[in-house]
Amino acid sequence: MTCSPAPLTGTGFTASPVAADGKLYFTSEEGEVYVVRAGETFELLATNALDEVTMASPAISEGALLFRTRSHLVAVRAGGGRTPAGE
C-alpha cells in the first residue's frame, strides 16, 4: 500500500481512517467525512457533514459506521441515512 498527498481539505485529521466495503473513510476535525475508493488512484466518492467537531476515530459494527461527535453518537447504515445511535 502506498499513500500520496490527496486533495482532502479540512483543518486537521485527528481520527484514524477506517476501511469498509472497498472504501476508506477519513473524518476531519471539522466533522467532514470524506469517502474515498480504495485503490491505486485517488477517487473521492463523497463528502458528508456531521455538523459538529469530531475528534474520535469511527467504529464499524453490524454494517453501520459509528461516529462520535462532540455531543452525539451517529450511526450511518447503507440506505438508512444518518440517525442518532440507539434508534
PDB file of N, CA and C in Angstrom:
ATOM      1  N   MET A   1       0.840  -1.159   0.000  1.00  0.00           N
ATOM      2  CA  MET A   1       0.000   0.000   0.000  1.00  0.00           C
ATOM      3  C   MET A   1       0.893   1.232   0.000  1.00  0.00           C
ATOM      4  N   THR A   2       0.576   2.175  -0.832  1.00  0.00           N
ATOM      5  CA  THR A   2       1.296   3.438  -0.831  1.00  0.00           C
ATOM      6  C   THR A   2       0.305   4.569  -0.614  1.00  0.00           C
ATOM      7  N   CYS A   3       0.797   5.638  -0.047  1.00  0.00           N
ATOM      8  CA  CYS A   3      -0.029   6.816   0.185  1.00  0.00           C
ATOM      9  C   CYS A   3       0.619   7.992  -0.507  1.00  0.00           C
ATOM     10  N   SER A   4      -0.186   8.824  -1.088  1.00  0.00           N
ATOM     11  CA  SER A   4       0.316  10.040  -1.698  1.00  0.00           C
ATOM     12  C   SER A   4      -0.573  11.186  -1.260  1.00  0.00           C
ATOM     13  N   PRO A   5      -0.089  12.413  -1.374  1.00  0.00           N
ATOM     14  CA  PRO A   5      -0.932  13.543  -0.973  1.00  0.00           C
ATOM     15  C   PRO A   5      -2.256  13.511  -1.724  1.00  0.00           C
ATOM     16  N   ALA A   6      -3.310  13.689  -0.997  1.00  0.00           N
ATOM     17  CA  ALA A   6      -4.644  13.655  -1.594  1.00  0.00           C
ATOM     18  C   ALA A   6      -5.318  14.994  -1.375  1.00  0.00           C
ATOM     19  N   PRO A   7      -6.211  15.358  -2.257  1.00  0.00           N
ATOM     20  CA  PRO A   7      -6.868  16.661  -2.152  1.00  0.00           C
ATOM     21  C   PRO A   7      -8.001  16.681  -1.129  1.00  0.00           C
ATOM     22  N   LEU A   8      -7.724  16.297   0.105  1.00  0.00           N
ATOM     23  CA  LEU A   8      -8.725  16.379   1.161  1.00  0.00           C
ATOM     24  C   LEU A   8      -8.521  17.692   1.889  1.00  0.00           C
ATOM     25  N   THR A   9      -9.593  18.420   2.094  1.00  0.00           N
ATOM     26  CA  THR A   9      -9.495  19.699   2.784  1.00  0.00           C
ATOM     27  C   THR A   9      -9.869  19.519   4.234  1.00  0.00           C
ATOM     28  N   GLY A  10      -9.675  20.528   5.014  1.00  0.00           N
ATOM     29  CA  GLY A  10     -10.007  20.454   6.430  1.00  0.00           C
ATOM     30  C   GLY A  10      -8.853  20.995   7.244  1.00  0.00           C
ATOM     31  N   THR A  11      -9.141  21.367   8.468  1.00  0.00           N
ATOM     32  CA  THR A  11      -8.093  21.940   9.300  1.00  0.00           C
ATOM     33  C   THR A  11      -7.188  20.879   9.890  1.00  0.00           C
ATOM     34  N   GLY A  12      -7.652  19.662   9.988  1.00  0.00           N
ATOM     35  CA  GLY A  12      -6.827  18.608  10.537  1.00  0.00           C
ATOM     36  C   GLY A  12      -7.580  17.300  10.600  1.00  0.00           C
ATOM     37  N   PHE A  13      -6.805  16.250  10.752  1.00  0.00           N
ATOM     38  CA  PHE A  13      -7.366  14.909  10.832  1.00  0.00           C
ATOM     39  C   PHE A  13      -6.754  14.223  12.036  1.00  0.00           C
ATOM     40  N   THR A  14      -7.474  14.216  13.153  1.00  0.00           N
ATOM     41  CA  THR A  14      -7.025  13.542  14.366  1.00  0.00           C
ATOM     42  C   THR A  14      -7.456  12.083  14.350  1.00  0.00           C
ATOM     43  N   ALA A  15      -8.660  11.817  13.861  1.00  0.00           N
ATOM     44  CA  ALA A  15      -9.212  10.466  13.819  1.00  0.00           C
ATOM     45  C   ALA A  15      -8.460   9.605  12.807  1.00  0.00           C
ATOM     46  N   SER A  16      -8.292   8.338  13.132  1.00  0.00           N
ATOM     47  CA  SER A  16      -7.702   7.390  12.189  1.00  0.00           C
ATOM     48  C   SER A  16      -8.720   7.051  11.115  1.00  0.00           C
ATOM     49  N   PRO A  17      -8.270   6.848   9.875  1.00  0.00           N
ATOM     50  CA  PRO A  17      -9.204   6.414   8.843  1.00  0.00           C
ATOM     51  C   PRO A  17      -9.625   4.972   9.091  1.00  0.00           C
ATOM     52  N   VAL A  18     -10.787   4.609   8.564  1.00  0.00           N
ATOM     53  CA  VAL A  18     -11.259   3.226   8.624  1.00  0.00           C
ATOM     54  C   VAL A  18     -11.607   2.773   7.218  1.00  0.00           C
ATOM     55  N   ALA A  19     -11.635   1.461   7.013  1.00  0.00           N
ATOM     56  CA  ALA A  19     -11.940   0.892   5.704  1.00  0.00           C
ATOM     57  C   ALA A  19     -13.092  -0.094   5.823  1.00  0.00           C
ATOM     58  N   ALA A  20     -13.991  -0.034   4.849  1.00  0.00           N
ATOM     59  CA  ALA A  20     -15.116  -0.970   4.786  1.00  0.00           C
ATOM     60  C   ALA A  20     -15.678  -0.966   3.372  1.00  0.00           C
ATOM     61  N   ASP A  21     -16.060  -2.128   2.894  1.00  0.00           N
ATOM     62  CA  ASP A  21     -16.774  -2.255   1.623  1.00  0.00           C
ATOM     63  C   ASP A  21     -16.030  -1.591   0.462  1.00  0.00           C
ATOM     64  N   GLY A  22     -14.695  -1.711   0.439  1.00  0.00           N
ATOM     65  CA  GLY A  22     -13.915  -1.150  -0.659  1.00  0.00           C
ATOM     66  C   GLY A  22     -13.775   0.364  -0.615  1.00  0.00           C
ATOM     67  N   LYS A  23     -14.069   0.947   0.536  1.00  0.00           N
ATOM     68  CA  LYS A  23     -13.977   2.401   0.687  1.00  0.00           C
ATOM     69  C   LYS A  23     -13.142   2.741   1.917  1.00  0.00           C
ATOM     70  N   LEU A  24     -12.519   3.922   1.887  1.00  0.00           N
ATOM     71  CA  LEU A  24     -11.793   4.468   3.027  1.00  0.00           C
ATOM     72  C   LEU A  24     -12.567   5.680   3.521  1.00  0.00           C
ATOM     73  N   TYR A  25     -12.679   5.813   4.844  1.00  0.00           N
ATOM     74  CA  TYR A  25     -13.417   6.918   5.450  1.00  0.00           C
ATOM     75  C   TYR A  25     -12.455   7.749   6.281  1.00  0.00           C
ATOM     76  N   PHE A  26     -12.306   9.029   5.912  1.00  0.00           N
ATOM     77  CA  PHE A  26     -11.438   9.969   6.611  1.00  0.00           C
ATOM     78  C   PHE A  26     -12.333  11.025   7.257  1.00  0.00           C
ATOM     79  N   THR A  27     -12.212  11.209   8.564  1.00  0.00           N
ATOM     80  CA  THR A  27     -13.043  12.172   9.280  1.00  0.00           C
ATOM     81  C   THR A  27     -12.185  13.335   9.743  1.00  0.00           C
ATOM     82  N   SER A  28     -12.534  14.536   9.292  1.00  0.00           N
ATOM     83  CA  SER A  28     -11.775  15.722   9.698  1.00  0.00           C
ATOM     84  C   SER A  28     -12.249  16.209  11.061  1.00  0.00           C
ATOM     85  N   GLU A  29     -11.420  17.019  11.697  1.00  0.00           N
ATOM     86  CA  GLU A  29     -11.786  17.595  12.994  1.00  0.00           C
ATOM     87  C   GLU A  29     -13.004  18.507  12.876  1.00  0.00           C
ATOM     88  N   GLU A  30     -13.275  19.022  11.682  1.00  0.00           N
ATOM     89  CA  GLU A  30     -14.439  19.879  11.441  1.00  0.00           C
ATOM     90  C   GLU A  30     -15.728  19.073  11.298  1.00  0.00           C
ATOM     91  N   GLY A  31     -15.617  17.734  11.260  1.00  0.00           N
ATOM     92  CA  GLY A  31     -16.791  16.893  11.132  1.00  0.00           C
ATOM     93  C   GLY A  31     -17.186  16.562   9.706  1.00  0.00           C
ATOM     94  N   GLU A  32     -16.253  16.701   8.781  1.00  0.00           N
ATOM     95  CA  GLU A  32     -16.495  16.290   7.403  1.00  0.00           C
ATOM     96  C   GLU A  32     -15.960  14.871   7.224  1.00  0.00           C
ATOM     97  N   VAL A  33     -16.770  14.001   6.647  1.00  0.00           N
ATOM     98  CA  VAL A  33     -16.337  12.629   6.382  1.00  0.00           C
ATOM     99  C   VAL A  33     -16.116  12.495   4.876  1.00  0.00           C
ATOM    100  N   TYR A  34     -14.879  12.187   4.509  1.00  0.00           N
ATOM    101  CA  TYR A  34     -14.518  12.013   3.106  1.00  0.00           C
ATOM    102  C   TYR A  34     -14.498  10.522   2.802  1.00  0.00           C
ATOM    103  N   VAL A  35     -15.209  10.128   1.771  1.00  0.00           N
ATOM    104  CA  VAL A  35     -15.278   8.724   1.359  1.00  0.00           C
ATOM    105  C   VAL A  35     -14.454   8.581   0.081  1.00  0.00           C
ATOM    106  N   VAL A  36     -13.434   7.730   0.144  1.00  0.00           N
ATOM    107  CA  VAL A  36     -12.508   7.550  -0.960  1.00  0.00           C
ATOM    108  C   VAL A  36     -12.519   6.084  -1.372  1.00  0.00           C
ATOM    109  N   ARG A  37     -12.539   5.838  -2.677  1.00  0.00           N
ATOM    110  CA  ARG A  37     -12.476   4.454  -3.163  1.00  0.00           C
ATOM    111  C   ARG A  37     -11.082   3.898  -2.868  1.00  0.00           C
ATOM    112  N   ALA A  38     -11.032   2.704  -2.290  1.00  0.00           N
ATOM    113  CA  ALA A  38      -9.755   2.035  -2.042  1.00  0.00           C
ATOM    114  C   ALA A  38      -9.211   1.566  -3.387  1.00  0.00           C
ATOM    115  N   GLY A  39      -8.002   1.958  -3.698  1.00  0.00           N
ATOM    116  CA  GLY A  39      -7.423   1.554  -4.977  1.00  0.00           C
ATOM    117  C   GLY A  39      -6.129   2.294  -5.249  1.00  0.00           C
ATOM    118  N   GLU A  40      -5.616   2.080  -6.430  1.00  0.00           N
ATOM    119  CA  GLU A  40      -4.319   2.637  -6.817  1.00  0.00           C
ATOM    120  C   GLU A  40      -4.376   4.131  -7.112  1.00  0.00           C
ATOM    121  N   THR A  41      -5.531   4.634  -7.533  1.00  0.00           N
ATOM    122  CA  THR A  41      -5.656   6.054  -7.838  1.00  0.00           C
ATOM    123  C   THR A  41      -6.676   6.698  -6.903  1.00  0.00           C
ATOM    124  N   PHE A  42      -6.458   7.970  -6.621  1.00  0.00           N
ATOM    125  CA  PHE A  42      -7.346   8.689  -5.719  1.00  0.00           C
ATOM    126  C   PHE A  42      -8.680   8.970  -6.408  1.00  0.00           C
ATOM    127  N   GLU A  43      -9.774   8.576  -5.752  1.00  0.00           N
ATOM    128  CA  GLU A  43     -11.117   8.882  -6.254  1.00  0.00           C
ATOM    129  C   GLU A  43     -12.005   9.224  -5.066  1.00  0.00           C
ATOM    130  N   LEU A  44     -12.351  10.486  -4.932  1.00  0.00           N
ATOM    131  CA  LEU A  44     -13.251  10.940  -3.876  1.00  0.00           C
ATOM    132  C   LEU A  44     -14.679  10.610  -4.291  1.00  0.00           C
ATOM    133  N   LEU A  45     -15.352   9.773  -3.496  1.00  0.00           N
ATOM    134  CA  LEU A  45     -16.719   9.349  -3.819  1.00  0.00           C
ATOM    135  C   LEU A  45     -17.765  10.269  -3.214  1.00  0.00           C
ATOM    136  N   ALA A  46     -17.500  10.794  -2.024  1.00  0.00           N
ATOM    137  CA  ALA A  46     -18.497  11.629  -1.350  1.00  0.00           C
ATOM    138  C   ALA A  46     -17.843  12.396  -0.218  1.00  0.00           C
ATOM    139  N   THR A  47     -18.492  13.481   0.162  1.00  0.00           N
ATOM    140  CA  THR A  47     -18.141  14.232   1.363  1.00  0.00           C
ATOM    141  C   THR A  47     -19.434  14.421   2.144  1.00  0.00           C
ATOM    142  N   ASN A  48     -19.417  14.039   3.408  1.00  0.00           N
ATOM    143  CA  ASN A  48     -20.617  14.096   4.239  1.00  0.00           C
ATOM    144  C   ASN A  48     -20.327  14.897   5.505  1.00  0.00           C
ATOM    145  N   ALA A  49     -21.252  15.783   5.870  1.00  0.00           N
ATOM    146  CA  ALA A  49     -21.062  16.639   7.039  1.00  0.00           C
ATOM    147  C   ALA A  49     -21.742  16.048   8.266  1.00  0.00           C
ATOM    148  N   LEU A  50     -20.993  15.969   9.355  1.00  0.00           N
ATOM    149  CA  LEU A  50     -21.564  15.572  10.638  1.00  0.00           C
ATOM    150  C   LEU A  50     -22.031  16.800  11.427  1.00  0.00           C
ATOM    151  N   ASP A  51     -21.686  17.981  10.949  1.00  0.00           N
ATOM    152  CA  ASP A  51     -22.138  19.252  11.525  1.00  0.00           C
ATOM    153  C   ASP A  51     -21.662  19.486  12.956  1.00  0.00           C
ATOM    154  N   GLU A  52     -20.562  18.854  13.348  1.00  0.00           N
ATOM    155  CA  GLU A  52     -20.024  19.032  14.689  1.00  0.00           C
ATOM    156  C   GLU A  52     -18.554  18.634  14.705  1.00  0.00           C
ATOM    157  N   VAL A  53     -17.819  19.169  15.644  1.00  0.00           N
ATOM    158  CA  VAL A  53     -16.419  18.780  15.815  1.00  0.00           C
ATOM    159  C   VAL A  53     -16.351  17.278  16.069  1.00  0.00           C
ATOM    160  N   THR A  54     -15.417  16.614  15.379  1.00  0.00           N
ATOM    161  CA  THR A  54     -15.263  15.166  15.506  1.00  0.00           C
ATOM    162  C   THR A  54     -13.780  14.843  15.635  1.00  0.00           C
ATOM    163  N   MET A  55     -13.407  14.320  16.791  1.00  0.00           N
ATOM    164  CA  MET A  55     -12.006  14.004  17.042  1.00  0.00           C
ATOM    165  C   MET A  55     -11.753  12.488  17.117  1.00  0.00           C
ATOM    166  N   ALA A  56     -12.789  11.714  17.372  1.00  0.00           N
ATOM    167  CA  ALA A  56     -12.638  10.271  17.575  1.00  0.00           C
ATOM    168  C   ALA A  56     -12.659   9.514  16.247  1.00  0.00           C
ATOM    169  N   SER A  57     -11.950   8.398  16.214  1.00  0.00           N
ATOM    170  CA  SER A  57     -11.981   7.531  15.036  1.00  0.00           C
ATOM    171  C   SER A  57     -13.329   6.828  14.947  1.00  0.00           C
ATOM    172  N   PRO A  58     -13.865   6.667  13.729  1.00  0.00           N
ATOM    173  CA  PRO A  58     -15.130   5.953  13.581  1.00  0.00           C
ATOM    174  C   PRO A  58     -14.971   4.478  13.953  1.00  0.00           C
ATOM    175  N   ALA A  59     -16.080   3.868  14.296  1.00  0.00           N
ATOM    176  CA  ALA A  59     -16.113   2.427  14.563  1.00  0.00           C
ATOM    177  C   ALA A  59     -17.043   1.784  13.536  1.00  0.00           C
ATOM    178  N   ILE A  60     -16.856   0.499  13.310  1.00  0.00           N
ATOM    179  CA  ILE A  60     -17.707  -0.254  12.392  1.00  0.00           C
ATOM    180  C   ILE A  60     -18.300  -1.415  13.174  1.00  0.00           C
ATOM    181  N   SER A  61     -19.636  -1.540  13.125  1.00  0.00           N
ATOM    182  CA  SER A  61     -20.310  -2.609  13.849  1.00  0.00           C
ATOM    183  C   SER A  61     -21.615  -2.972  13.163  1.00  0.00           C
ATOM    184  N   GLU A  62     -21.796  -4.239  12.888  1.00  0.00           N
ATOM    185  CA  GLU A  62     -23.043  -4.773  12.334  1.00  0.00           C
ATOM    186  C   GLU A  62     -23.539  -3.973  11.136  1.00  0.00           C
ATOM    187  N   GLY A  63     -22.622  -3.662  10.216  1.00  0.00           N
ATOM    188  CA  GLY A  63     -22.998  -2.973   8.988  1.00  0.00           C
ATOM    189  C   GLY A  63     -23.198  -1.477   9.125  1.00  0.00           C
ATOM    190  N   ALA A  64     -22.851  -0.911  10.259  1.00  0.00           N
ATOM    191  CA  ALA A  64     -23.009   0.529  10.469  1.00  0.00           C
ATOM    192  C   ALA A  64     -21.668   1.175  10.773  1.00  0.00           C
ATOM    193  N   LEU A  65     -21.518   2.416  10.317  1.00  0.00           N
ATOM    194  CA  LEU A  65     -20.386   3.248  10.715  1.00  0.00           C
ATOM    195  C   LEU A  65     -20.858   4.104  11.873  1.00  0.00           C
ATOM    196  N   LEU A  66     -20.079   4.149  12.942  1.00  0.00           N
ATOM    197  CA  LEU A  66     -20.445   4.922  14.129  1.00  0.00           C
ATOM    198  C   LEU A  66     -19.454   6.072  14.292  1.00  0.00           C
ATOM    199  N   PHE A  67     -19.976   7.292  14.365  1.00  0.00           N
ATOM    200  CA  PHE A  67     -19.169   8.494  14.510  1.00  0.00           C
ATOM    201  C   PHE A  67     -19.501   9.160  15.827  1.00  0.00           C
ATOM    202  N   ARG A  68     -18.489   9.478  16.612  1.00  0.00           N
ATOM    203  CA  ARG A  68     -18.680  10.194  17.872  1.00  0.00           C
ATOM    204  C   ARG A  68     -18.295  11.644  17.633  1.00  0.00           C
ATOM    205  N   THR A  69     -19.282  12.530  17.660  1.00  0.00           N
ATOM    206  CA  THR A  69     -19.018  13.953  17.524  1.00  0.00           C
ATOM    207  C   THR A  69     -18.880  14.539  18.921  1.00  0.00           C
ATOM    208  N   ARG A  70     -18.767  15.843  19.009  1.00  0.00           N
ATOM    209  CA  ARG A  70     -18.616  16.481  20.314  1.00  0.00           C
ATOM    210  C   ARG A  70     -19.759  16.123  21.256  1.00  0.00           C
ATOM    211  N   SER A  71     -20.997  16.031  20.756  1.00  0.00           N
ATOM    212  CA  SER A  71     -22.126  15.777  21.658  1.00  0.00           C
ATOM    213  C   SER A  71     -23.100  14.709  21.179  1.00  0.00           C
ATOM    214  N   HIS A  72     -22.751  13.974  20.111  1.00  0.00           N
ATOM    215  CA  HIS A  72     -23.653  12.938  19.604  1.00  0.00           C
ATOM    216  C   HIS A  72     -22.877  11.688  19.203  1.00  0.00           C
ATOM    217  N   LEU A  73     -23.586  10.573  19.183  1.00  0.00           N
ATOM    218  CA  LEU A  73     -23.100   9.343  18.581  1.00  0.00           C
ATOM    219  C   LEU A  73     -24.003   9.095  17.387  1.00  0.00           C
ATOM    220  N   VAL A  74     -23.419   9.085  16.190  1.00  0.00           N
ATOM    221  CA  VAL A  74     -24.192   8.988  14.955  1.00  0.00           C
ATOM    222  C   VAL A  74     -23.899   7.650  14.286  1.00  0.00           C
ATOM    223  N   ALA A  75     -24.973   6.918  13.924  1.00  0.00           N
ATOM    224  CA  ALA A  75     -24.843   5.655  13.196  1.00  0.00           C
ATOM    225  C   ALA A  75     -25.284   5.882  11.753  1.00  0.00           C
ATOM    226  N   VAL A  76     -24.476   5.393  10.810  1.00  0.00           N
ATOM    227  CA  VAL A  76     -24.793   5.515   9.389  1.00  0.00           C
ATOM    228  C   VAL A  76     -24.816   4.115   8.805  1.00  0.00           C
ATOM    229  N   ARG A  77     -25.923   3.787   8.158  1.00  0.00           N
ATOM    230  CA  ARG A  77     -26.077   2.479   7.509  1.00  0.00           C
ATOM    231  C   ARG A  77     -26.376   2.680   6.030  1.00  0.00           C
ATOM    232  N   ALA A  78     -25.974   1.736   5.198  1.00  0.00           N
ATOM    233  CA  ALA A  78     -26.273   1.804   3.768  1.00  0.00           C
ATOM    234  C   ALA A  78     -27.781   1.864   3.572  1.00  0.00           C
ATOM    235  N   GLY A  79     -28.229   2.860   2.829  1.00  0.00           N
ATOM    236  CA  GLY A  79     -29.651   3.001   2.546  1.00  0.00           C
ATOM    237  C   GLY A  79     -30.475   3.521   3.705  1.00  0.00           C
ATOM    238  N   GLY A  80     -29.855   3.692   4.876  1.00  0.00           N
ATOM    239  CA  GLY A  80     -30.614   4.104   6.045  1.00  0.00           C
ATOM    240  C   GLY A  80     -30.403   5.535   6.473  1.00  0.00           C
ATOM    241  N   GLY A  81     -29.421   6.198   5.840  1.00  0.00           N
ATOM    242  CA  GLY A  81     -29.163   7.582   6.213  1.00  0.00           C
ATOM    243  C   GLY A  81     -28.458   7.697   7.545  1.00  0.00           C
ATOM    244  N   ARG A  82     -28.567   8.866   8.130  1.00  0.00           N
ATOM    245  CA  ARG A  82     -27.870   9.191   9.361  1.00  0.00           C
ATOM    246  C   ARG A  82     -28.892   9.308  10.479  1.00  0.00           C
ATOM    247  N   THR A  83     -28.684   8.589  11.565  1.00  0.00           N
ATOM    248  CA  THR A  83     -29.599   8.659  12.709  1.00  0.00           C
ATOM    249  C   THR A  83     -28.793   8.634  14.004  1.00  0.00           C
ATOM    250  N   PRO A  84     -29.322   9.221  15.071  1.00  0.00           N
ATOM    251  CA  PRO A  84     -28.643   9.060  16.359  1.00  0.00           C
ATOM    252  C   PRO A  84     -28.571   7.582  16.721  1.00  0.00           C
ATOM    253  N   ALA A  85     -27.444   7.138  17.215  1.00  0.00           N
ATOM    254  CA  ALA A  85     -27.280   5.731  17.585  1.00  0.00           C
ATOM    255  C   ALA A  85     -28.296   5.345  18.648  1.00  0.00           C
ATOM    256  N   GLY A  86     -28.782   4.131  18.553  1.00  0.00           N
ATOM    257  CA  GLY A  86     -29.747   3.626  19.539  1.00  0.00           C
ATOM    258  C   GLY A  86     -31.188   3.743  19.079  1.00  0.00           C
ATOM    259  N   GLU A  87     -31.403   4.370  17.911  1.00  0.00           N
ATOM    260  CA  GLU A  87     -32.783   4.484  17.412  1.00  0.00           C
ATOM    261  C   GLU A  87     -33.061   3.412  16.402  1.00  0.00           C
TER     262      GLU A  87
END
